[in-house]
Amino acid sequence: MALNLVQQFFFKLFAYIMLAVYAVTPPVAPSTDDVIKPAKSGAELVFATVADPQVSNYMFDRYRAFQASCEDLKNAERLDAVVGVGDLVENGLAEEYNLAYASLSGINARYIMASGNHDIRLRAYSQCTSRIYEFIDALNGDGYSVAEKTYAEGKLAYSEVVNGYKFIVMGSDKSVFEEAYISPEQLEWLDNELATEKGKPVFVIIHQPLKLTHNLPTTWGNGTNKEAGSMGPQNDEFKAILAKHAKDSTVVLINGHLHAGFSQYSYQQIDGFHSVNAPAFSIENKDGEEGGNGSGLTYIVEVYEDEVLLRARNCRTGEWLPKWDTTIAL
């Protein structure tokens, strides 16, 4: 127990030292020549994806990339929401969440955050959920309590409506190292949440993608295991629920986990619904045609009466990447 307390002390001390260093030595700011704003008039909803930042209190270059990319979001003329797509921090430490908050807070937007395997895999599930709740509540800062919106007490799945559009945030019901465990109760809740949305886009957020999508298992570096890099055992049930409701709504699934830059595999249509793999926001994207071995990538998602526009952007440099834009017709 004494050793554990000593470790905790030095973790906290190191985190505060690094926070002070980051504060007095700001990163190179992104360009403001073409800031984030809707591509055209009439946008009903605008949000940014923040996938796999994996903020760490000892990986200096990664945090620098995160700081710079967050500045681009803060410079936006309009953002209605910032959507975290999991792996918010590297090891689930309170100190890491403090660092993430220091750079991400202050954006004039709603914060909708999903958990990933890095957020929950190294410590007690109850401790992880509490830290994620506190992080989301602090970012929103308006008395909002995500714990009261989850489908069950102490879980990580909840729904939120922004500008009339629903976000359904999925999360593992127990600590698993790489995959997620989505319980029958959470699957039933998802089914019911989707049933309330008819004829308009609904966004389902989960960290891990479906198996054999977005160039899996090759993207995961494993060409033989069909399950590699995917959400895990509940894959088929989850997929069937999305396909069922795609008949009545435009279901857009957004995932991360793969650390893949923009490519032909970033978007695909599956059984009537749409699947989007968001590139890593501050950890390096290990492959992909745009942004491989780089970071700062995001989708700026704009919802119009007749389409959902996925706009590719490098937040670290403040540049649009129109080659990788995708339009979902409504």
C-alpha atoms as a PDB file:
ATOM      1  CA  MET A   1       0.000   0.000   0.000  1.00  0.00           C
ATOM      2  CA  ALA A   2       2.857   2.382   0.844  1.00  0.00           C
ATOM      3  CA  LEU A   3       4.481   1.774  -2.532  1.00  0.00           C
ATOM      4  CA  ASN A   4       1.197   2.477  -4.246  1.00  0.00           C
ATOM      5  CA  LEU A   5       0.866   5.804  -2.417  1.00  0.00           C
ATOM      6  CA  VAL A   6       4.414   6.737  -3.396  1.00  0.00           C
ATOM      7  CA  GLN A   7       3.663   5.895  -7.028  1.00  0.00           C
ATOM      8  CA  GLN A   8       0.510   7.998  -6.922  1.00  0.00           C
ATOM      9  CA  PHE A   9       2.436  10.920  -5.448  1.00  0.00           C
ATOM     10  CA  PHE A  10       5.089  10.872  -8.159  1.00  0.00           C
ATOM     11  CA  PHE A  11       2.484  10.437 -10.933  1.00  0.00           C
ATOM     12  CA  LYS A  12       0.680  13.534  -9.664  1.00  0.00           C
ATOM     13  CA  LEU A  13       3.894  15.496  -9.175  1.00  0.00           C
ATOM     14  CA  PHE A  14       5.126  14.663 -12.669  1.00  0.00           C
ATOM     15  CA  ALA A  15       1.733  15.565 -14.194  1.00  0.00           C
ATOM     16  CA  TYR A  16       1.749  18.986 -12.522  1.00  0.00           C
ATOM     17  CA  ILE A  17       5.332  19.627 -13.631  1.00  0.00           C
ATOM     18  CA  MET A  18       4.469  18.717 -17.216  1.00  0.00           C
ATOM     19  CA  LEU A  19       1.318  20.868 -17.111  1.00  0.00           C
ATOM     20  CA  ALA A  20       3.472  23.830 -16.042  1.00  0.00           C
ATOM     21  CA  VAL A  21       5.959  23.123 -18.828  1.00  0.00           C
ATOM     22  CA  TYR A  22       3.175  22.905 -21.419  1.00  0.00           C
ATOM     23  CA  ALA A  23       1.678  26.171 -20.151  1.00  0.00           C
ATOM     24  CA  VAL A  24       4.877  28.214 -20.514  1.00  0.00           C
ATOM     25  CA  THR A  25       6.029  26.654 -23.807  1.00  0.00           C
ATOM     26  CA  PRO A  26       2.998  26.675 -26.113  1.00  0.00           C
ATOM     27  CA  PRO A  27       3.036  24.528 -29.273  1.00  0.00           C
ATOM     28  CA  VAL A  28       3.140  25.873 -32.818  1.00  0.00           C
ATOM     29  CA  ALA A  29      -0.381  27.148 -33.421  1.00  0.00           C
ATOM     30  CA  PRO A  30      -2.409  25.951 -36.419  1.00  0.00           C
ATOM     31  CA  SER A  31      -3.082  28.327 -39.297  1.00  0.00           C
ATOM     32  CA  THR A  32      -6.131  30.580 -39.019  1.00  0.00           C
ATOM     33  CA  ASP A  33      -6.293  31.349 -42.754  1.00  0.00           C
ATOM     34  CA  ASP A  34      -9.262  29.009 -43.233  1.00  0.00           C
ATOM     35  CA  VAL A  35     -10.870  28.315 -39.879  1.00  0.00           C
ATOM     36  CA  ILE A  36     -13.625  25.800 -39.191  1.00  0.00           C
ATOM     37  CA  LYS A  37     -16.980  27.040 -40.420  1.00  0.00           C
ATOM     38  CA  PRO A  38     -19.822  25.484 -42.440  1.00  0.00           C
ATOM     39  CA  ALA A  39     -19.141  24.966 -46.129  1.00  0.00           C
ATOM     40  CA  LYS A  40     -22.439  26.670 -46.999  1.00  0.00           C
ATOM     41  CA  SER A  41     -25.454  28.283 -45.388  1.00  0.00           C
ATOM     42  CA  GLY A  42     -28.246  26.276 -43.820  1.00  0.00           C
ATOM     43  CA  ALA A  43     -26.216  23.931 -41.625  1.00  0.00           C
ATOM     44  CA  GLU A  44     -28.469  22.542 -38.879  1.00  0.00           C
ATOM     45  CA  LEU A  45     -25.663  20.867 -36.938  1.00  0.00           C
ATOM     46  CA  VAL A  46     -21.853  21.093 -37.012  1.00  0.00           C
ATOM     47  CA  PHE A  47     -19.595  18.852 -34.959  1.00  0.00           C
ATOM     48  CA  ALA A  48     -15.975  17.653 -34.837  1.00  0.00           C
ATOM     49  CA  THR A  49     -14.688  14.150 -34.162  1.00  0.00           C
ATOM     50  CA  VAL A  50     -11.889  13.688 -31.647  1.00  0.00           C
ATOM     51  CA  ALA A  51     -10.756  10.065 -31.906  1.00  0.00           C
ATOM     52  CA  ASP A  52      -7.831   8.446 -30.098  1.00  0.00           C
ATOM     53  CA  PRO A  53      -6.056  11.443 -28.580  1.00  0.00           C
ATOM     54  CA  GLN A  54      -4.664   9.036 -25.936  1.00  0.00           C
ATOM     55  CA  VAL A  55      -3.410  11.952 -23.859  1.00  0.00           C
ATOM     56  CA  SER A  56      -0.423  10.943 -21.751  1.00  0.00           C
ATOM     57  CA  ASN A  57       1.433  12.688 -18.948  1.00  0.00           C
ATOM     58  CA  TYR A  58       4.795  11.426 -20.219  1.00  0.00           C
ATOM     59  CA  MET A  59       4.557  11.502 -24.038  1.00  0.00           C
ATOM     60  CA  PHE A  60       5.593  15.081 -24.789  1.00  0.00           C
ATOM     61  CA  ASP A  61       5.221  15.123 -28.604  1.00  0.00           C
ATOM     62  CA  ARG A  62       1.763  13.570 -28.487  1.00  0.00           C
ATOM     63  CA  TYR A  63       0.485  16.165 -26.050  1.00  0.00           C
ATOM     64  CA  ARG A  64       1.969  18.929 -28.175  1.00  0.00           C
ATOM     65  CA  ALA A  65      -0.040  17.603 -31.142  1.00  0.00           C
ATOM     66  CA  PHE A  66      -3.170  17.498 -28.971  1.00  0.00           C
ATOM     67  CA  GLN A  67      -2.682  21.071 -27.774  1.00  0.00           C
ATOM     68  CA  ALA A  68      -2.243  22.417 -31.312  1.00  0.00           C
ATOM     69  CA  SER A  69      -5.211  20.473 -32.672  1.00  0.00           C
ATOM     70  CA  CYS A  70      -7.456  21.708 -29.857  1.00  0.00           C
ATOM     71  CA  GLU A  71      -6.510  25.284 -30.720  1.00  0.00           C
ATOM     72  CA  ASP A  72      -7.951  24.747 -34.197  1.00  0.00           C
ATOM     73  CA  LEU A  73     -11.258  23.692 -32.626  1.00  0.00           C
ATOM     74  CA  LYS A  74     -11.193  26.757 -30.381  1.00  0.00           C
ATOM     75  CA  ASN A  75     -10.659  28.991 -33.415  1.00  0.00           C
ATOM     76  CA  ALA A  76     -13.800  27.631 -35.096  1.00  0.00           C
ATOM     77  CA  GLU A  77     -16.463  30.109 -36.154  1.00  0.00           C
ATOM     78  CA  ARG A  78     -19.052  27.469 -35.342  1.00  0.00           C
ATOM     79  CA  LEU A  79     -19.057  24.111 -33.579  1.00  0.00           C
ATOM     80  CA  ASP A  80     -22.215  22.788 -31.974  1.00  0.00           C
ATOM     81  CA  ALA A  81     -20.551  19.692 -30.511  1.00  0.00           C
ATOM     82  CA  VAL A  82     -17.194  18.027 -29.974  1.00  0.00           C
ATOM     83  CA  VAL A  83     -17.601  14.264 -30.211  1.00  0.00           C
ATOM     84  CA  GLY A  84     -14.942  12.131 -28.536  1.00  0.00           C
ATOM     85  CA  VAL A  85     -14.669   8.717 -30.159  1.00  0.00           C
ATOM     86  CA  GLY A  86     -12.822   6.935 -27.358  1.00  0.00           C
ATOM     87  CA  ASP A  87      -9.287   6.435 -26.082  1.00  0.00           C
ATOM     88  CA  LEU A  88      -9.446   9.879 -24.570  1.00  0.00           C
ATOM     89  CA  VAL A  89      -6.361   9.172 -22.460  1.00  0.00           C
ATOM     90  CA  GLU A  90      -3.552   6.620 -22.523  1.00  0.00           C
ATOM     91  CA  ASN A  91      -3.848   4.846 -19.177  1.00  0.00           C
ATOM     92  CA  GLY A  92      -7.046   6.077 -17.515  1.00  0.00           C
ATOM     93  CA  LEU A  93      -5.119   8.201 -14.995  1.00  0.00           C
ATOM     94  CA  ALA A  94      -6.757  11.174 -13.298  1.00  0.00           C
ATOM     95  CA  GLU A  95      -3.650  13.208 -14.180  1.00  0.00           C
ATOM     96  CA  GLU A  96      -4.145  12.417 -17.871  1.00  0.00           C
ATOM     97  CA  TYR A  97      -7.751  13.582 -17.757  1.00  0.00           C
ATOM     98  CA  ASN A  98      -6.547  16.814 -16.133  1.00  0.00           C
ATOM     99  CA  LEU A  99      -4.141  17.379 -19.017  1.00  0.00           C
ATOM    100  CA  ALA A 100      -6.847  16.580 -21.587  1.00  0.00           C
ATOM    101  CA  TYR A 101      -9.219  19.013 -19.888  1.00  0.00           C
ATOM    102  CA  ALA A 102      -6.589  21.772 -19.846  1.00  0.00           C
ATOM    103  CA  SER A 103      -6.402  21.821 -23.666  1.00  0.00           C
ATOM    104  CA  LEU A 104      -9.869  20.683 -24.699  1.00  0.00           C
ATOM    105  CA  SER A 105     -11.982  22.907 -22.436  1.00  0.00           C
ATOM    106  CA  GLY A 106     -13.221  26.321 -23.492  1.00  0.00           C
ATOM    107  CA  ILE A 107     -14.734  25.428 -26.851  1.00  0.00           C
ATOM    108  CA  ASN A 108     -18.189  26.916 -27.269  1.00  0.00           C
ATOM    109  CA  ALA A 109     -19.802  23.547 -27.966  1.00  0.00           C
ATOM    110  CA  ARG A 110     -21.459  20.551 -26.340  1.00  0.00           C
ATOM    111  CA  TYR A 111     -19.007  17.827 -25.358  1.00  0.00           C
ATOM    112  CA  ILE A 112     -20.138  14.280 -26.138  1.00  0.00           C
ATOM    113  CA  MET A 113     -17.498  11.755 -25.124  1.00  0.00           C
ATOM    114  CA  ALA A 114     -17.324   8.000 -25.675  1.00  0.00           C
ATOM    115  CA  SER A 115     -14.910   5.731 -23.831  1.00  0.00           C
ATOM    116  CA  GLY A 116     -12.338   3.466 -25.456  1.00  0.00           C
ATOM    117  CA  ASN A 117     -10.276   0.509 -24.358  1.00  0.00           C
ATOM    118  CA  HIS A 118      -7.363   2.689 -23.170  1.00  0.00           C
ATOM    119  CA  ASP A 119      -9.736   4.583 -20.883  1.00  0.00           C
ATOM    120  CA  ILE A 120     -10.896   1.516 -18.979  1.00  0.00           C
ATOM    121  CA  ARG A 121      -8.534  -1.417 -19.389  1.00  0.00           C
ATOM    122  CA  LEU A 122      -5.929  -0.969 -16.628  1.00  0.00           C
ATOM    123  CA  ARG A 123      -7.987  -0.321 -13.494  1.00  0.00           C
ATOM    124  CA  ALA A 124     -11.310  -1.035 -11.812  1.00  0.00           C
ATOM    125  CA  TYR A 125     -14.285  -0.376 -14.068  1.00  0.00           C
ATOM    126  CA  SER A 126     -16.079   1.673 -11.402  1.00  0.00           C
ATOM    127  CA  GLN A 127     -13.043   3.936 -10.996  1.00  0.00           C
ATOM    128  CA  CYS A 128     -12.810   4.405 -14.765  1.00  0.00           C
ATOM    129  CA  THR A 129     -16.473   5.316 -15.150  1.00  0.00           C
ATOM    130  CA  SER A 130     -16.256   7.851 -12.325  1.00  0.00           C
ATOM    131  CA  ARG A 131     -13.281   9.572 -13.945  1.00  0.00           C
ATOM    132  CA  ILE A 132     -14.977   9.708 -17.336  1.00  0.00           C
ATOM    133  CA  TYR A 133     -18.168  11.090 -15.785  1.00  0.00           C
ATOM    134  CA  GLU A 134     -16.179  13.814 -14.005  1.00  0.00           C
ATOM    135  CA  PHE A 135     -14.288  14.656 -17.192  1.00  0.00           C
ATOM    136  CA  ILE A 136     -17.445  15.075 -19.313  1.00  0.00           C
ATOM    137  CA  ASP A 137     -19.259  17.003 -16.577  1.00  0.00           C
ATOM    138  CA  ALA A 138     -16.316  19.380 -16.147  1.00  0.00           C
ATOM    139  CA  LEU A 139     -16.093  20.028 -19.897  1.00  0.00           C
ATOM    140  CA  ASN A 140     -19.784  20.871 -20.161  1.00  0.00           C
ATOM    141  CA  GLY A 141     -19.721  22.820 -16.900  1.00  0.00           C
ATOM    142  CA  ASP A 142     -23.425  23.520 -16.660  1.00  0.00           C
ATOM    143  CA  GLY A 143     -24.747  21.104 -14.066  1.00  0.00           C
ATOM    144  CA  TYR A 144     -25.063  18.387 -16.687  1.00  0.00           C
ATOM    145  CA  SER A 145     -24.525  14.935 -15.181  1.00  0.00           C
ATOM    146  CA  VAL A 146     -23.752  12.200 -17.676  1.00  0.00           C
ATOM    147  CA  ALA A 147     -24.255   9.600 -14.940  1.00  0.00           C
ATOM    148  CA  GLU A 148     -27.958  10.453 -14.877  1.00  0.00           C
ATOM    149  CA  LYS A 149     -28.250   9.889 -18.634  1.00  0.00           C
ATOM    150  CA  THR A 150     -26.597   6.477 -18.871  1.00  0.00           C
ATOM    151  CA  TYR A 151     -28.808   3.486 -19.693  1.00  0.00           C
ATOM    152  CA  ALA A 152     -27.926   1.915 -16.325  1.00  0.00           C
ATOM    153  CA  GLU A 153     -26.173   3.077 -13.173  1.00  0.00           C
ATOM    154  CA  GLY A 154     -22.403   3.056 -13.421  1.00  0.00           C
ATOM    155  CA  LYS A 155     -22.285   2.349 -17.170  1.00  0.00           C
ATOM    156  CA  LEU A 156     -20.765   4.282 -20.075  1.00  0.00           C
ATOM    157  CA  ALA A 157     -23.584   4.341 -22.627  1.00  0.00           C
ATOM    158  CA  TYR A 158     -25.931   7.328 -22.880  1.00  0.00           C
ATOM    159  CA  SER A 159     -27.745   9.489 -25.399  1.00  0.00           C
ATOM    160  CA  GLU A 160     -27.709  13.228 -26.002  1.00  0.00           C
ATOM    161  CA  VAL A 161     -29.639  15.492 -28.366  1.00  0.00           C
ATOM    162  CA  VAL A 162     -27.977  18.526 -29.951  1.00  0.00           C
ATOM    163  CA  ASN A 163     -29.938  20.842 -32.264  1.00  0.00           C
ATOM    164  CA  GLY A 164     -32.619  18.168 -32.580  1.00  0.00           C
ATOM    165  CA  TYR A 165     -30.215  15.394 -33.633  1.00  0.00           C
ATOM    166  CA  LYS A 166     -29.562  12.376 -31.429  1.00  0.00           C
ATOM    167  CA  PHE A 167     -26.154  10.995 -30.501  1.00  0.00           C
ATOM    168  CA  ILE A 168     -26.138   7.486 -29.038  1.00  0.00           C
ATOM    169  CA  VAL A 169     -22.890   6.838 -27.191  1.00  0.00           C
ATOM    170  CA  MET A 170     -21.969   3.174 -26.684  1.00  0.00           C
ATOM    171  CA  GLY A 171     -19.417   1.931 -24.164  1.00  0.00           C
ATOM    172  CA  SER A 172     -18.069  -1.345 -22.854  1.00  0.00           C
ATOM    173  CA  ASP A 173     -19.950  -2.729 -19.861  1.00  0.00           C
ATOM    174  CA  LYS A 174     -16.762  -4.085 -18.295  1.00  0.00           C
ATOM    175  CA  SER A 175     -13.020  -3.602 -18.572  1.00  0.00           C
ATOM    176  CA  VAL A 176     -11.657  -5.440 -21.618  1.00  0.00           C
ATOM    177  CA  PHE A 177      -8.137  -4.980 -22.960  1.00  0.00           C
ATOM    178  CA  GLU A 178      -8.797  -4.320 -26.684  1.00  0.00           C
ATOM    179  CA  GLU A 179     -12.404  -5.123 -27.553  1.00  0.00           C
ATOM    180  CA  ALA A 180     -15.650  -4.000 -25.936  1.00  0.00           C
ATOM    181  CA  TYR A 181     -18.290  -5.976 -24.104  1.00  0.00           C
ATOM    182  CA  ILE A 182     -21.780  -4.763 -25.005  1.00  0.00           C
ATOM    183  CA  SER A 183     -24.286  -6.467 -22.724  1.00  0.00           C
ATOM    184  CA  PRO A 184     -27.743  -7.677 -23.839  1.00  0.00           C
ATOM    185  CA  GLU A 185     -29.204  -4.840 -21.754  1.00  0.00           C
ATOM    186  CA  GLN A 186     -27.196  -2.224 -23.640  1.00  0.00           C
ATOM    187  CA  LEU A 187     -28.131  -3.750 -27.002  1.00  0.00           C
ATOM    188  CA  GLU A 188     -31.815  -3.601 -26.016  1.00  0.00           C
ATOM    189  CA  TRP A 189     -31.360   0.024 -24.970  1.00  0.00           C
ATOM    190  CA  LEU A 190     -29.737   0.817 -28.337  1.00  0.00           C
ATOM    191  CA  ASP A 191     -32.646  -0.787 -30.147  1.00  0.00           C
ATOM    192  CA  ASN A 192     -35.114   1.339 -28.185  1.00  0.00           C
ATOM    193  CA  GLU A 193     -33.118   4.549 -28.659  1.00  0.00           C
ATOM    194  CA  LEU A 194     -32.982   4.073 -32.433  1.00  0.00           C
ATOM    195  CA  ALA A 195     -36.688   3.302 -32.549  1.00  0.00           C
ATOM    196  CA  THR A 196     -37.493   6.867 -31.484  1.00  0.00           C
ATOM    197  CA  GLU A 197     -35.698   8.347 -34.512  1.00  0.00           C
ATOM    198  CA  LYS A 198     -37.613   8.281 -37.778  1.00  0.00           C
ATOM    199  CA  GLY A 199     -36.546   9.884 -41.043  1.00  0.00           C
ATOM    200  CA  LYS A 200     -33.583  11.916 -39.827  1.00  0.00           C
ATOM    201  CA  PRO A 201     -29.884  11.299 -39.170  1.00  0.00           C
ATOM    202  CA  VAL A 202     -28.903   9.662 -35.883  1.00  0.00           C
ATOM    203  CA  PHE A 203     -25.249   9.256 -34.883  1.00  0.00           C
ATOM    204  CA  VAL A 204     -24.088   6.122 -33.065  1.00  0.00           C
ATOM    205  CA  ILE A 205     -20.663   6.513 -31.453  1.00  0.00           C
ATOM    206  CA  ILE A 206     -18.553   3.517 -30.438  1.00  0.00           C
ATOM    207  CA  HIS A 207     -14.782   3.306 -30.211  1.00  0.00           C
ATOM    208  CA  GLN A 208     -14.174  -0.009 -31.963  1.00  0.00           C
ATOM    209  CA  PRO A 209     -15.394  -0.643 -35.546  1.00  0.00           C
ATOM    210  CA  LEU A 210     -17.334  -3.614 -36.844  1.00  0.00           C
ATOM    211  CA  LYS A 211     -15.286  -6.601 -37.938  1.00  0.00           C
ATOM    212  CA  LEU A 212     -14.143  -6.765 -41.556  1.00  0.00           C
ATOM    213  CA  THR A 213     -14.874  -3.057 -42.085  1.00  0.00           C
ATOM    214  CA  HIS A 214     -12.495  -0.166 -42.833  1.00  0.00           C
ATOM    215  CA  ASN A 215      -9.888  -2.572 -44.209  1.00  0.00           C
ATOM    216  CA  LEU A 216      -9.887  -4.817 -41.136  1.00  0.00           C
ATOM    217  CA  PRO A 217      -8.123  -7.046 -40.278  1.00  0.00           C
ATOM    218  CA  THR A 218      -5.321  -5.684 -42.482  1.00  0.00           C
ATOM    219  CA  THR A 219      -5.572  -2.252 -40.837  1.00  0.00           C
ATOM    220  CA  TRP A 220      -4.910  -3.954 -37.506  1.00  0.00           C
ATOM    221  CA  GLY A 221      -1.802  -5.638 -38.852  1.00  0.00           C
ATOM    222  CA  ASN A 222      -3.413  -9.061 -38.841  1.00  0.00           C
ATOM    223  CA  GLY A 223      -4.562 -10.533 -42.125  1.00  0.00           C
ATOM    224  CA  THR A 224      -5.874 -13.847 -40.796  1.00  0.00           C
ATOM    225  CA  ASN A 225      -7.930 -13.179 -37.649  1.00  0.00           C
ATOM    226  CA  LYS A 226     -11.329 -11.903 -38.805  1.00  0.00           C
ATOM    227  CA  GLU A 227     -12.083 -10.496 -35.344  1.00  0.00           C
ATOM    228  CA  ALA A 228      -8.864  -8.433 -35.096  1.00  0.00           C
ATOM    229  CA  GLY A 229      -9.377  -4.753 -34.324  1.00  0.00           C
ATOM    230  CA  SER A 230     -13.158  -5.044 -34.054  1.00  0.00           C
ATOM    231  CA  MET A 231     -15.635  -4.396 -31.265  1.00  0.00           C
ATOM    232  CA  GLY A 232     -15.760  -8.072 -30.293  1.00  0.00           C
ATOM    233  CA  PRO A 233     -18.277 -10.859 -29.633  1.00  0.00           C
ATOM    234  CA  GLN A 234     -21.437  -8.738 -29.881  1.00  0.00           C
ATOM    235  CA  ASN A 235     -20.499  -7.551 -33.385  1.00  0.00           C
ATOM    236  CA  ASP A 236     -23.252  -9.368 -35.292  1.00  0.00           C
ATOM    237  CA  GLU A 237     -26.048  -8.431 -32.884  1.00  0.00           C
ATOM    238  CA  PHE A 238     -24.959  -4.795 -32.878  1.00  0.00           C
ATOM    239  CA  LYS A 239     -24.762  -4.716 -36.675  1.00  0.00           C
ATOM    240  CA  ALA A 240     -28.227  -6.267 -37.024  1.00  0.00           C
ATOM    241  CA  ILE A 241     -29.790  -3.576 -34.829  1.00  0.00           C
ATOM    242  CA  LEU A 242     -28.244  -0.784 -36.908  1.00  0.00           C
ATOM    243  CA  ALA A 243     -29.400  -2.434 -40.150  1.00  0.00           C
ATOM    244  CA  LYS A 244     -32.917  -2.854 -38.778  1.00  0.00           C
ATOM    245  CA  HIS A 245     -33.317   0.855 -38.077  1.00  0.00           C
ATOM    246  CA  ALA A 246     -31.547   2.012 -41.235  1.00  0.00           C
ATOM    247  CA  LYS A 247     -34.838   1.288 -43.010  1.00  0.00           C
ATOM    248  CA  ASP A 248     -36.476   4.228 -41.207  1.00  0.00           C
ATOM    249  CA  SER A 249     -33.572   6.563 -40.379  1.00  0.00           C
ATOM    250  CA  THR A 250     -30.190   7.644 -41.652  1.00  0.00           C
ATOM    251  CA  VAL A 251     -27.982   5.760 -39.188  1.00  0.00           C
ATOM    252  CA  VAL A 252     -24.387   6.997 -39.102  1.00  0.00           C
ATOM    253  CA  LEU A 253     -21.947   4.869 -37.101  1.00  0.00           C
ATOM    254  CA  ILE A 254     -18.741   6.669 -36.058  1.00  0.00           C
ATOM    255  CA  ASN A 255     -15.778   4.726 -34.687  1.00  0.00           C
ATOM    256  CA  GLY A 256     -12.030   5.130 -34.229  1.00  0.00           C
ATOM    257  CA  HIS A 257      -9.482   2.692 -32.721  1.00  0.00           C
ATOM    258  CA  LEU A 258      -7.574   1.964 -35.946  1.00  0.00           C
ATOM    259  CA  HIS A 259      -5.247   5.002 -35.970  1.00  0.00           C
ATOM    260  CA  ALA A 260      -5.704   5.170 -39.731  1.00  0.00           C
ATOM    261  CA  GLY A 261      -5.452   8.347 -41.802  1.00  0.00           C
ATOM    262  CA  PHE A 262      -7.963   9.255 -44.476  1.00  0.00           C
ATOM    263  CA  SER A 263      -8.286   6.732 -47.299  1.00  0.00           C
ATOM    264  CA  GLN A 264     -10.796   4.901 -49.455  1.00  0.00           C
ATOM    265  CA  TYR A 265     -11.585   2.821 -46.356  1.00  0.00           C
ATOM    266  CA  SER A 266     -12.592   5.724 -44.112  1.00  0.00           C
ATOM    267  CA  TYR A 267     -16.252   5.562 -45.138  1.00  0.00           C
ATOM    268  CA  GLN A 268     -18.447   2.700 -46.251  1.00  0.00           C
ATOM    269  CA  GLN A 269     -22.103   1.773 -46.431  1.00  0.00           C
ATOM    270  CA  ILE A 270     -23.129  -1.443 -44.686  1.00  0.00           C
ATOM    271  CA  ASP A 271     -26.570  -3.031 -44.878  1.00  0.00           C
ATOM    272  CA  GLY A 272     -28.219   0.354 -45.358  1.00  0.00           C
ATOM    273  CA  PHE A 273     -26.380   2.286 -42.639  1.00  0.00           C
ATOM    274  CA  HIS A 274     -23.225   4.391 -42.903  1.00  0.00           C
ATOM    275  CA  SER A 275     -19.943   3.635 -41.129  1.00  0.00           C
ATOM    276  CA  VAL A 276     -17.233   6.251 -40.631  1.00  0.00           C
ATOM    277  CA  ASN A 277     -13.787   5.522 -39.204  1.00  0.00           C
ATOM    278  CA  ALA A 278     -12.462   8.739 -37.692  1.00  0.00           C
ATOM    279  CA  PRO A 279      -8.668   9.162 -37.898  1.00  0.00           C
ATOM    280  CA  ALA A 280      -6.607   9.726 -34.776  1.00  0.00           C
ATOM    281  CA  PHE A 281      -6.656  13.275 -33.463  1.00  0.00           C
ATOM    282  CA  SER A 282      -3.266  13.411 -31.764  1.00  0.00           C
ATOM    283  CA  ILE A 283      -1.700   9.961 -31.716  1.00  0.00           C
ATOM    284  CA  GLU A 284       0.092   9.159 -34.973  1.00  0.00           C
ATOM    285  CA  ASN A 285      -1.995   7.614 -37.742  1.00  0.00           C
ATOM    286  CA  LYS A 286       0.036   4.579 -38.694  1.00  0.00           C
ATOM    287  CA  ASP A 287      -1.377   4.196 -42.187  1.00  0.00           C
ATOM    288  CA  GLY A 288      -3.859   5.686 -44.627  1.00  0.00           C
ATOM    289  CA  GLU A 289      -3.318   7.675 -47.784  1.00  0.00           C
ATOM    290  CA  GLU A 290      -3.614  11.060 -46.033  1.00  0.00           C
ATOM    291  CA  GLY A 291      -2.059  11.573 -42.654  1.00  0.00           C
ATOM    292  CA  GLY A 292      -0.123   8.344 -42.345  1.00  0.00           C
ATOM    293  CA  ASN A 293       2.545   8.879 -39.672  1.00  0.00           C
ATOM    294  CA  GLY A 294       0.871  12.182 -38.805  1.00  0.00           C
ATOM    295  CA  SER A 295      -1.789  13.450 -36.417  1.00  0.00           C
ATOM    296  CA  GLY A 296      -4.333  16.216 -35.973  1.00  0.00           C
ATOM    297  CA  LEU A 297      -6.931  14.687 -38.274  1.00  0.00           C
ATOM    298  CA  THR A 298     -10.681  15.051 -37.806  1.00  0.00           C
ATOM    299  CA  TYR A 299     -13.981  15.013 -39.574  1.00  0.00           C
ATOM    300  CA  ILE A 300     -16.027  18.191 -39.365  1.00  0.00           C
ATOM    301  CA  VAL A 301     -19.548  16.863 -39.818  1.00  0.00           C
ATOM    302  CA  GLU A 302     -22.191  19.233 -41.158  1.00  0.00           C
ATOM    303  CA  VAL A 303     -25.863  18.276 -41.296  1.00  0.00           C
ATOM    304  CA  TYR A 304     -28.133  19.957 -43.831  1.00  0.00           C
ATOM    305  CA  GLU A 305     -31.752  19.363 -44.780  1.00  0.00           C
ATOM    306  CA  ASP A 306     -30.749  17.163 -47.704  1.00  0.00           C
ATOM    307  CA  GLU A 307     -27.310  15.772 -46.789  1.00  0.00           C
ATOM    308  CA  VAL A 308     -24.683  14.983 -44.175  1.00  0.00           C
ATOM    309  CA  LEU A 309     -21.312  16.354 -45.239  1.00  0.00           C
ATOM    310  CA  LEU A 310     -18.143  14.784 -43.804  1.00  0.00           C
ATOM    311  CA  ARG A 311     -15.322  17.279 -44.262  1.00  0.00           C
ATOM    312  CA  ALA A 312     -11.754  16.076 -43.745  1.00  0.00           C
ATOM    313  CA  ARG A 313      -9.440  18.426 -41.878  1.00  0.00           C
ATOM    314  CA  ASN A 314      -5.978  18.563 -40.382  1.00  0.00           C
ATOM    315  CA  CYS A 315      -6.462  20.445 -37.122  1.00  0.00           C
ATOM    316  CA  ARG A 316      -2.764  20.546 -36.363  1.00  0.00           C
ATOM    317  CA  THR A 317      -2.108  22.705 -39.424  1.00  0.00           C
ATOM    318  CA  GLY A 318      -5.572  24.275 -39.780  1.00  0.00           C
ATOM    319  CA  GLU A 319      -6.102  22.975 -43.326  1.00  0.00           C
ATOM    320  CA  TRP A 320      -9.035  21.355 -45.113  1.00  0.00           C
ATOM    321  CA  LEU A 321      -8.400  18.136 -47.058  1.00  0.00           C
ATOM    322  CA  PRO A 322     -11.254  18.165 -49.601  1.00  0.00           C
ATOM    323  CA  LYS A 323     -10.011  15.089 -51.469  1.00  0.00           C
ATOM    324  CA  TRP A 324     -11.347  12.980 -48.597  1.00  0.00           C
ATOM    325  CA  ASP A 325     -14.729  14.665 -48.119  1.00  0.00           C
ATOM    326  CA  THR A 326     -17.792  12.413 -48.244  1.00  0.00           C
ATOM    327  CA  THR A 327     -21.456  13.278 -48.756  1.00  0.00           C
ATOM    328  CA  ILE A 328     -24.345  11.197 -47.417  1.00  0.00           C
ATOM    329  CA  ALA A 329     -27.524  12.096 -49.256  1.00  0.00           C
ATOM    330  CA  LEU A 330     -30.721  12.253 -47.204  1.00  0.00           C
END
